[in-house]
Amino acid sequence: MQRARELRDDAVRAGDQPYGAVVLRGEQIVGLGPSRVVTSIDPTAHAEMEALRDAARRLATRDLGDCVLVSTSRPCRMCEAAASWARISRMFYGEALTDGFRTYQQRVVHNARTLAEALVANGFDLVSGGTDNHLMLLDLRRRGLTGKVAEEALHHAHMTVNKNAVPNDPQKPWVTSGIRLGTPALTTRGFGPDEMTLIAGWIAAVLEKPDDHERARAIGAEVRELSGRFPLFAWEPALR
């Protein structure tokens, strides 16, 4: 950072006017921003944004994650956030290109299809008849249930779902006629097809008698036992 400041000062001294910001990649100046801009309420912030834009144009890229933004006055939080977001985006996109992430996504979809098929086998209606991604939407109208009732009943059994409107839903938006289910969180914990089939059976049992709190408590105990076999965190390595 000290070397970056020295280069910034050299750039400022070499210019015809003082610059509001300098963007550096290593020891190369890739962007300069003007200090006086009448079109901005905050000239410093505007100068730094201009420096970032100029750097992006010179580099023919929006990826400024390995650049350093140095201000001649107070720092611009917007620009710092933009540079941080560029680094975060590069990290996530890099992960998405790995074989491990591709395998994880395949497991998510496979679990969703298994859960959807098991729910259909238990007599539920799915909007679109199934799923090709990580989500599914249950239409509860034929069962005479609302999404709100189903959501609350399943919550009593420690199963988290969201009420969701279905096509041509006769209910109000805060009541709805469906529930939405997804498999990414379950897959992350390590659940597989066998657990999806078990979960579908629990959902069917709870929604068969949504007002039966004893049944919900009994199923909730099974849910907790299963969840205990797939912990969210591995505490032992963290304590070493």
C-alpha atoms as a PDB file:
ATOM      1  CA  MET A   1       0.000   0.000   0.000  1.00  0.00           C
ATOM      2  CA  GLN A   2       2.905   2.380   0.724  1.00  0.00           C
ATOM      3  CA  ARG A   3       4.237   1.827  -2.804  1.00  0.00           C
ATOM      4  CA  ALA A   4       0.740   2.466  -4.151  1.00  0.00           C
ATOM      5  CA  ARG A   5       0.622   5.816  -2.368  1.00  0.00           C
ATOM      6  CA  GLU A   6       4.038   6.764  -3.757  1.00  0.00           C
ATOM      7  CA  LEU A   7       2.877   5.972  -7.289  1.00  0.00           C
ATOM      8  CA  ARG A   8      -0.305   7.932  -6.665  1.00  0.00           C
ATOM      9  CA  ASP A   9       1.698  10.963  -5.548  1.00  0.00           C
ATOM     10  CA  ASP A  10       3.947  10.698  -8.618  1.00  0.00           C
ATOM     11  CA  ALA A  11       0.881  10.598 -10.853  1.00  0.00           C
ATOM     12  CA  VAL A  12      -0.578  13.638  -9.133  1.00  0.00           C
ATOM     13  CA  ARG A  13       2.639  15.621  -9.459  1.00  0.00           C
ATOM     14  CA  ALA A  14       3.074  14.656 -13.118  1.00  0.00           C
ATOM     15  CA  GLY A  15      -0.403  15.777 -14.142  1.00  0.00           C
ATOM     16  CA  ASP A  16      -1.528  19.199 -15.302  1.00  0.00           C
ATOM     17  CA  GLN A  17      -4.139  19.147 -12.521  1.00  0.00           C
ATOM     18  CA  PRO A  18      -4.469  17.151  -9.296  1.00  0.00           C
ATOM     19  CA  TYR A  19      -6.374  13.932  -9.693  1.00  0.00           C
ATOM     20  CA  GLY A  20      -9.192  12.843  -7.404  1.00  0.00           C
ATOM     21  CA  ALA A  21      -8.304   9.146  -7.626  1.00  0.00           C
ATOM     22  CA  VAL A  22      -5.794   6.750  -9.102  1.00  0.00           C
ATOM     23  CA  VAL A  23      -6.371   3.077  -9.926  1.00  0.00           C
ATOM     24  CA  LEU A  24      -3.291   0.882  -9.719  1.00  0.00           C
ATOM     25  CA  ARG A  25      -2.646  -2.683 -10.852  1.00  0.00           C
ATOM     26  CA  GLY A  26       0.643  -3.647  -9.297  1.00  0.00           C
ATOM     27  CA  GLU A  27       2.850  -0.665 -10.105  1.00  0.00           C
ATOM     28  CA  GLN A  28       0.996   0.252 -13.293  1.00  0.00           C
ATOM     29  CA  ILE A  29      -1.396   3.204 -13.345  1.00  0.00           C
ATOM     30  CA  VAL A  30      -4.503   1.996 -15.155  1.00  0.00           C
ATOM     31  CA  GLY A  31      -6.964   4.774 -14.319  1.00  0.00           C
ATOM     32  CA  LEU A  32      -7.041   8.426 -13.300  1.00  0.00           C
ATOM     33  CA  GLY A  33      -9.982  10.477 -12.147  1.00  0.00           C
ATOM     34  CA  PRO A  34     -10.365  14.299 -12.326  1.00  0.00           C
ATOM     35  CA  SER A  35     -10.595  16.270  -9.107  1.00  0.00           C
ATOM     36  CA  ARG A  36     -13.082  18.962 -10.149  1.00  0.00           C
ATOM     37  CA  VAL A  37     -16.372  17.794 -11.566  1.00  0.00           C
ATOM     38  CA  VAL A  38     -19.334  20.159 -11.635  1.00  0.00           C
ATOM     39  CA  THR A  39     -21.862  17.428 -12.488  1.00  0.00           C
ATOM     40  CA  SER A  40     -21.491  15.650  -9.137  1.00  0.00           C
ATOM     41  CA  ILE A  41     -22.600  16.621  -5.639  1.00  0.00           C
ATOM     42  CA  ASP A  42     -19.541  14.781  -4.324  1.00  0.00           C
ATOM     43  CA  PRO A  43     -16.567  15.594  -6.609  1.00  0.00           C
ATOM     44  CA  THR A  44     -14.265  13.122  -4.858  1.00  0.00           C
ATOM     45  CA  ALA A  45     -16.699  10.246  -5.214  1.00  0.00           C
ATOM     46  CA  HIS A  46     -17.310  11.167  -8.850  1.00  0.00           C
ATOM     47  CA  ALA A  47     -13.578  11.328  -9.525  1.00  0.00           C
ATOM     48  CA  GLU A  48     -13.077   7.877  -8.075  1.00  0.00           C
ATOM     49  CA  MET A  49     -15.929   6.439 -10.118  1.00  0.00           C
ATOM     50  CA  GLU A  50     -14.437   8.026 -13.216  1.00  0.00           C
ATOM     51  CA  ALA A  51     -11.082   6.485 -12.344  1.00  0.00           C
ATOM     52  CA  LEU A  52     -12.679   3.042 -12.073  1.00  0.00           C
ATOM     53  CA  ARG A  53     -14.518   3.473 -15.376  1.00  0.00           C
ATOM     54  CA  ASP A  54     -11.341   4.642 -17.083  1.00  0.00           C
ATOM     55  CA  ALA A  55      -9.453   1.632 -15.717  1.00  0.00           C
ATOM     56  CA  ALA A  56     -12.190  -0.703 -16.926  1.00  0.00           C
ATOM     57  CA  ARG A  57     -12.045   0.828 -20.399  1.00  0.00           C
ATOM     58  CA  ARG A  58      -8.265   0.533 -20.556  1.00  0.00           C
ATOM     59  CA  LEU A  59      -8.311  -3.057 -19.364  1.00  0.00           C
ATOM     60  CA  ALA A  60     -11.339  -3.927 -21.539  1.00  0.00           C
ATOM     61  CA  THR A  61     -12.847  -5.650 -18.524  1.00  0.00           C
ATOM     62  CA  ARG A  62     -15.140  -5.024 -15.586  1.00  0.00           C
ATOM     63  CA  ASP A  63     -12.949  -7.151 -13.318  1.00  0.00           C
ATOM     64  CA  LEU A  64     -11.005  -4.731 -11.126  1.00  0.00           C
ATOM     65  CA  GLY A  65     -10.608  -7.171  -8.258  1.00  0.00           C
ATOM     66  CA  ASP A  66      -6.792  -7.044  -8.217  1.00  0.00           C
ATOM     67  CA  CYS A  67      -6.560  -3.272  -8.633  1.00  0.00           C
ATOM     68  CA  VAL A  68      -5.937  -0.770  -5.841  1.00  0.00           C
ATOM     69  CA  LEU A  69      -7.971   2.437  -5.657  1.00  0.00           C
ATOM     70  CA  VAL A  70      -6.060   5.281  -4.025  1.00  0.00           C
ATOM     71  CA  SER A  71      -7.725   8.612  -3.297  1.00  0.00           C
ATOM     72  CA  THR A  72      -5.994  11.980  -3.130  1.00  0.00           C
ATOM     73  CA  SER A  73      -8.461  12.894  -0.403  1.00  0.00           C
ATOM     74  CA  ARG A  74     -11.027  10.924   1.611  1.00  0.00           C
ATOM     75  CA  PRO A  75     -11.909   7.438   0.312  1.00  0.00           C
ATOM     76  CA  CYS A  76     -15.095   6.733  -1.608  1.00  0.00           C
ATOM     77  CA  ARG A  77     -17.146   3.944  -0.011  1.00  0.00           C
ATOM     78  CA  MET A  78     -19.019   3.291  -3.255  1.00  0.00           C
ATOM     79  CA  CYS A  79     -15.786   2.541  -5.094  1.00  0.00           C
ATOM     80  CA  GLU A  80     -14.409   0.405  -2.281  1.00  0.00           C
ATOM     81  CA  ALA A  81     -17.646  -1.577  -2.311  1.00  0.00           C
ATOM     82  CA  ALA A  82     -17.428  -1.988  -6.089  1.00  0.00           C
ATOM     83  CA  ALA A  83     -13.889  -3.336  -5.865  1.00  0.00           C
ATOM     84  CA  SER A  84     -14.875  -5.690  -3.028  1.00  0.00           C
ATOM     85  CA  TRP A  85     -17.856  -6.951  -5.012  1.00  0.00           C
ATOM     86  CA  ALA A  86     -15.582  -7.636  -7.981  1.00  0.00           C
ATOM     87  CA  ARG A  87     -13.371  -9.816  -5.786  1.00  0.00           C
ATOM     88  CA  ILE A  88     -16.380 -11.628  -4.297  1.00  0.00           C
ATOM     89  CA  SER A  89     -17.906 -12.212  -7.745  1.00  0.00           C
ATOM     90  CA  ARG A  90     -14.646 -13.621  -9.046  1.00  0.00           C
ATOM     91  CA  MET A  91     -14.520 -16.028  -6.077  1.00  0.00           C
ATOM     92  CA  PHE A  92     -18.100 -17.249  -6.590  1.00  0.00           C
ATOM     93  CA  TYR A  93     -17.770 -17.603 -10.352  1.00  0.00           C
ATOM     94  CA  GLY A  94     -14.544 -19.487  -9.821  1.00  0.00           C
ATOM     95  CA  GLU A  95     -16.278 -21.906  -7.458  1.00  0.00           C
ATOM     96  CA  ALA A  96     -19.098 -22.395  -9.956  1.00  0.00           C
ATOM     97  CA  LEU A  97     -16.545 -23.648 -12.505  1.00  0.00           C
ATOM     98  CA  THR A  98     -15.278 -26.441 -10.250  1.00  0.00           C
ATOM     99  CA  ASP A  99     -16.218 -30.097 -10.652  1.00  0.00           C
ATOM    100  CA  GLY A 100     -17.308 -30.218  -7.015  1.00  0.00           C
ATOM    101  CA  PHE A 101     -19.868 -27.449  -7.496  1.00  0.00           C
ATOM    102  CA  ARG A 102     -21.174 -29.100 -10.666  1.00  0.00           C
ATOM    103  CA  THR A 103     -21.626 -32.377  -8.777  1.00  0.00           C
ATOM    104  CA  TYR A 104     -23.391 -30.556  -5.941  1.00  0.00           C
ATOM    105  CA  GLN A 105     -25.857 -28.950  -8.365  1.00  0.00           C
ATOM    106  CA  GLN A 106     -26.568 -32.318  -9.960  1.00  0.00           C
ATOM    107  CA  ARG A 107     -27.347 -33.724  -6.503  1.00  0.00           C
ATOM    108  CA  VAL A 108     -29.647 -30.782  -5.770  1.00  0.00           C
ATOM    109  CA  VAL A 109     -31.689 -31.438  -8.912  1.00  0.00           C
ATOM    110  CA  HIS A 110     -31.718 -35.200  -8.355  1.00  0.00           C
ATOM    111  CA  ASN A 111     -32.973 -34.707  -4.796  1.00  0.00           C
ATOM    112  CA  ALA A 112     -35.659 -32.289  -6.006  1.00  0.00           C
ATOM    113  CA  ARG A 113     -36.916 -34.769  -8.589  1.00  0.00           C
ATOM    114  CA  THR A 114     -36.960 -37.562  -6.018  1.00  0.00           C
ATOM    115  CA  LEU A 115     -38.883 -35.407  -3.531  1.00  0.00           C
ATOM    116  CA  ALA A 116     -41.342 -34.309  -6.216  1.00  0.00           C
ATOM    117  CA  GLU A 117     -41.989 -37.899  -7.344  1.00  0.00           C
ATOM    118  CA  ALA A 118     -42.480 -39.035  -3.743  1.00  0.00           C
ATOM    119  CA  LEU A 119     -44.965 -36.215  -3.084  1.00  0.00           C
ATOM    120  CA  VAL A 120     -46.943 -37.123  -6.216  1.00  0.00           C
ATOM    121  CA  ALA A 121     -46.948 -40.751  -5.045  1.00  0.00           C
ATOM    122  CA  ASN A 122     -48.453 -39.502  -1.768  1.00  0.00           C
ATOM    123  CA  GLY A 123     -51.304 -37.854  -3.658  1.00  0.00           C
ATOM    124  CA  PHE A 124     -50.117 -34.259  -3.938  1.00  0.00           C
ATOM    125  CA  ASP A 125     -50.612 -32.052  -6.990  1.00  0.00           C
ATOM    126  CA  LEU A 126     -47.501 -30.267  -8.232  1.00  0.00           C
ATOM    127  CA  VAL A 127     -47.688 -27.194 -10.420  1.00  0.00           C
ATOM    128  CA  SER A 128     -46.129 -28.261 -13.762  1.00  0.00           C
ATOM    129  CA  GLY A 129     -46.375 -31.885 -12.650  1.00  0.00           C
ATOM    130  CA  GLY A 130     -42.816 -32.077 -11.362  1.00  0.00           C
ATOM    131  CA  THR A 131     -39.559 -30.135 -11.392  1.00  0.00           C
ATOM    132  CA  ASP A 132     -36.426 -29.709 -13.491  1.00  0.00           C
ATOM    133  CA  ASN A 133     -34.614 -27.515 -10.976  1.00  0.00           C
ATOM    134  CA  HIS A 134     -34.213 -27.079  -7.207  1.00  0.00           C
ATOM    135  CA  LEU A 135     -37.795 -25.996  -6.474  1.00  0.00           C
ATOM    136  CA  MET A 136     -41.321 -27.369  -6.549  1.00  0.00           C
ATOM    137  CA  LEU A 137     -44.730 -25.873  -5.852  1.00  0.00           C
ATOM    138  CA  LEU A 138     -47.505 -27.910  -4.245  1.00  0.00           C
ATOM    139  CA  ASP A 139     -51.095 -27.006  -5.151  1.00  0.00           C
ATOM    140  CA  LEU A 140     -53.226 -27.778  -2.084  1.00  0.00           C
ATOM    141  CA  ARG A 141     -56.647 -26.749  -3.401  1.00  0.00           C
ATOM    142  CA  ARG A 142     -57.832 -30.299  -4.012  1.00  0.00           C
ATOM    143  CA  ARG A 143     -57.013 -31.110  -0.387  1.00  0.00           C
ATOM    144  CA  GLY A 144     -58.987 -28.143   0.900  1.00  0.00           C
ATOM    145  CA  LEU A 145     -55.926 -26.625   2.563  1.00  0.00           C
ATOM    146  CA  THR A 146     -54.409 -23.169   2.334  1.00  0.00           C
ATOM    147  CA  GLY A 147     -50.730 -22.477   2.106  1.00  0.00           C
ATOM    148  CA  LYS A 148     -50.859 -20.636   5.419  1.00  0.00           C
ATOM    149  CA  VAL A 149     -52.377 -23.619   7.266  1.00  0.00           C
ATOM    150  CA  ALA A 150     -49.912 -26.057   5.668  1.00  0.00           C
ATOM    151  CA  GLU A 151     -46.926 -23.842   6.442  1.00  0.00           C
ATOM    152  CA  GLU A 152     -47.866 -23.536  10.115  1.00  0.00           C
ATOM    153  CA  ALA A 153     -48.648 -27.250  10.474  1.00  0.00           C
ATOM    154  CA  LEU A 154     -45.287 -28.268   9.011  1.00  0.00           C
ATOM    155  CA  HIS A 155     -43.468 -25.730  11.164  1.00  0.00           C
ATOM    156  CA  HIS A 156     -44.912 -27.489  14.232  1.00  0.00           C
ATOM    157  CA  ALA A 157     -43.167 -30.637  12.943  1.00  0.00           C
ATOM    158  CA  HIS A 158     -39.844 -28.756  12.478  1.00  0.00           C
ATOM    159  CA  MET A 159     -40.108 -28.665   8.685  1.00  0.00           C
ATOM    160  CA  THR A 160     -39.594 -25.217   7.174  1.00  0.00           C
ATOM    161  CA  VAL A 161     -41.613 -24.408   4.044  1.00  0.00           C
ATOM    162  CA  ASN A 162     -43.106 -21.230   2.575  1.00  0.00           C
ATOM    163  CA  LYS A 163     -46.688 -20.584   1.591  1.00  0.00           C
ATOM    164  CA  ASN A 164     -46.862 -19.618  -2.066  1.00  0.00           C
ATOM    165  CA  ALA A 165     -49.539 -18.602  -4.539  1.00  0.00           C
ATOM    166  CA  VAL A 166     -50.433 -21.008  -7.348  1.00  0.00           C
ATOM    167  CA  PRO A 167     -51.761 -20.147 -10.824  1.00  0.00           C
ATOM    168  CA  ASN A 168     -55.291 -18.701 -10.629  1.00  0.00           C
ATOM    169  CA  ASP A 169     -55.088 -18.768  -6.840  1.00  0.00           C
ATOM    170  CA  PRO A 170     -58.469 -17.918  -5.242  1.00  0.00           C
ATOM    171  CA  GLN A 171     -56.861 -17.079  -1.890  1.00  0.00           C
ATOM    172  CA  LYS A 172     -55.417 -13.757  -0.785  1.00  0.00           C
ATOM    173  CA  PRO A 173     -51.640 -13.296  -1.203  1.00  0.00           C
ATOM    174  CA  TRP A 174     -51.019 -13.638   2.528  1.00  0.00           C
ATOM    175  CA  VAL A 175     -53.019 -16.904   2.639  1.00  0.00           C
ATOM    176  CA  THR A 176     -52.341 -18.639  -0.724  1.00  0.00           C
ATOM    177  CA  SER A 177     -53.239 -22.138  -1.887  1.00  0.00           C
ATOM    178  CA  GLY A 178     -49.780 -23.687  -2.115  1.00  0.00           C
ATOM    179  CA  ILE A 179     -46.411 -24.247  -0.485  1.00  0.00           C
ATOM    180  CA  ARG A 180     -42.956 -23.999  -2.003  1.00  0.00           C
ATOM    181  CA  LEU A 181     -40.235 -26.563  -1.291  1.00  0.00           C
ATOM    182  CA  GLY A 182     -36.548 -26.568  -2.213  1.00  0.00           C
ATOM    183  CA  THR A 183     -33.612 -28.945  -1.846  1.00  0.00           C
ATOM    184  CA  PRO A 184     -30.347 -26.884  -1.817  1.00  0.00           C
ATOM    185  CA  ALA A 185     -30.155 -26.588   1.996  1.00  0.00           C
ATOM    186  CA  LEU A 186     -30.981 -30.279   2.471  1.00  0.00           C
ATOM    187  CA  THR A 187     -28.412 -31.272  -0.129  1.00  0.00           C
ATOM    188  CA  THR A 188     -25.752 -29.098   1.491  1.00  0.00           C
ATOM    189  CA  ARG A 189     -26.292 -30.973   4.757  1.00  0.00           C
ATOM    190  CA  GLY A 190     -25.792 -34.288   2.957  1.00  0.00           C
ATOM    191  CA  PHE A 191     -29.370 -35.499   2.491  1.00  0.00           C
ATOM    192  CA  GLY A 192     -29.920 -37.889  -0.407  1.00  0.00           C
ATOM    193  CA  PRO A 193     -32.795 -39.644  -2.234  1.00  0.00           C
ATOM    194  CA  ASP A 194     -33.655 -41.878   0.738  1.00  0.00           C
ATOM    195  CA  GLU A 195     -34.100 -38.845   2.974  1.00  0.00           C
ATOM    196  CA  MET A 196     -36.219 -37.113   0.295  1.00  0.00           C
ATOM    197  CA  THR A 197     -38.630 -40.054   0.255  1.00  0.00           C
ATOM    198  CA  LEU A 198     -38.808 -39.999   4.054  1.00  0.00           C
ATOM    199  CA  ILE A 199     -39.492 -36.239   4.110  1.00  0.00           C
ATOM    200  CA  ALA A 200     -42.295 -36.594   1.551  1.00  0.00           C
ATOM    201  CA  GLY A 201     -43.965 -39.183   3.803  1.00  0.00           C
ATOM    202  CA  TRP A 202     -43.691 -36.860   6.798  1.00  0.00           C
ATOM    203  CA  ILE A 203     -45.220 -33.973   4.857  1.00  0.00           C
ATOM    204  CA  ALA A 204     -48.107 -36.186   3.773  1.00  0.00           C
ATOM    205  CA  ALA A 205     -48.704 -37.419   7.336  1.00  0.00           C
ATOM    206  CA  VAL A 206     -48.724 -33.904   8.814  1.00  0.00           C
ATOM    207  CA  LEU A 207     -50.983 -32.403   6.153  1.00  0.00           C
ATOM    208  CA  GLU A 208     -53.408 -35.320   6.376  1.00  0.00           C
ATOM    209  CA  LYS A 209     -54.382 -33.936   9.804  1.00  0.00           C
ATOM    210  CA  PRO A 210     -52.893 -30.431  10.043  1.00  0.00           C
ATOM    211  CA  ASP A 211     -54.639 -29.720  13.382  1.00  0.00           C
ATOM    212  CA  ASP A 212     -53.253 -32.844  15.069  1.00  0.00           C
ATOM    213  CA  HIS A 213     -50.484 -31.363  17.200  1.00  0.00           C
ATOM    214  CA  GLU A 214     -49.638 -34.704  18.806  1.00  0.00           C
ATOM    215  CA  ARG A 215     -48.889 -36.152  15.381  1.00  0.00           C
ATOM    216  CA  ALA A 216     -46.848 -33.068  14.507  1.00  0.00           C
ATOM    217  CA  ARG A 217     -44.789 -33.431  17.705  1.00  0.00           C
ATOM    218  CA  ALA A 218     -44.147 -37.129  17.052  1.00  0.00           C
ATOM    219  CA  ILE A 219     -43.031 -36.462  13.488  1.00  0.00           C
ATOM    220  CA  GLY A 220     -41.020 -33.477  14.684  1.00  0.00           C
ATOM    221  CA  ALA A 221     -39.033 -35.799  16.954  1.00  0.00           C
ATOM    222  CA  GLU A 222     -38.191 -37.963  13.935  1.00  0.00           C
ATOM    223  CA  VAL A 223     -37.216 -34.877  11.965  1.00  0.00           C
ATOM    224  CA  ARG A 224     -34.859 -33.782  14.751  1.00  0.00           C
ATOM    225  CA  GLU A 225     -33.331 -37.269  14.948  1.00  0.00           C
ATOM    226  CA  LEU A 226     -32.677 -37.310  11.200  1.00  0.00           C
ATOM    227  CA  SER A 227     -31.264 -33.777  11.260  1.00  0.00           C
ATOM    228  CA  GLY A 228     -28.922 -34.797  14.048  1.00  0.00           C
ATOM    229  CA  ARG A 229     -27.304 -37.305  11.686  1.00  0.00           C
ATOM    230  CA  PHE A 230     -26.569 -34.476   9.219  1.00  0.00           C
ATOM    231  CA  PRO A 231     -25.262 -31.584  11.382  1.00  0.00           C
ATOM    232  CA  LEU A 232     -24.965 -28.090   9.995  1.00  0.00           C
ATOM    233  CA  PHE A 233     -21.504 -27.664  11.530  1.00  0.00           C
ATOM    234  CA  ALA A 234     -18.705 -30.027  12.446  1.00  0.00           C
ATOM    235  CA  TRP A 235     -17.685 -28.695  15.848  1.00  0.00           C
ATOM    236  CA  GLU A 236     -14.725 -31.016  16.505  1.00  0.00           C
ATOM    237  CA  PRO A 237     -12.421 -29.613  13.770  1.00  0.00           C
ATOM    238  CA  ALA A 238     -13.305 -26.093  14.880  1.00  0.00           C
ATOM    239  CA  LEU A 239     -12.224 -26.822  18.441  1.00  0.00           C
ATOM    240  CA  ARG A 240      -8.815 -28.285  17.564  1.00  0.00           C
END
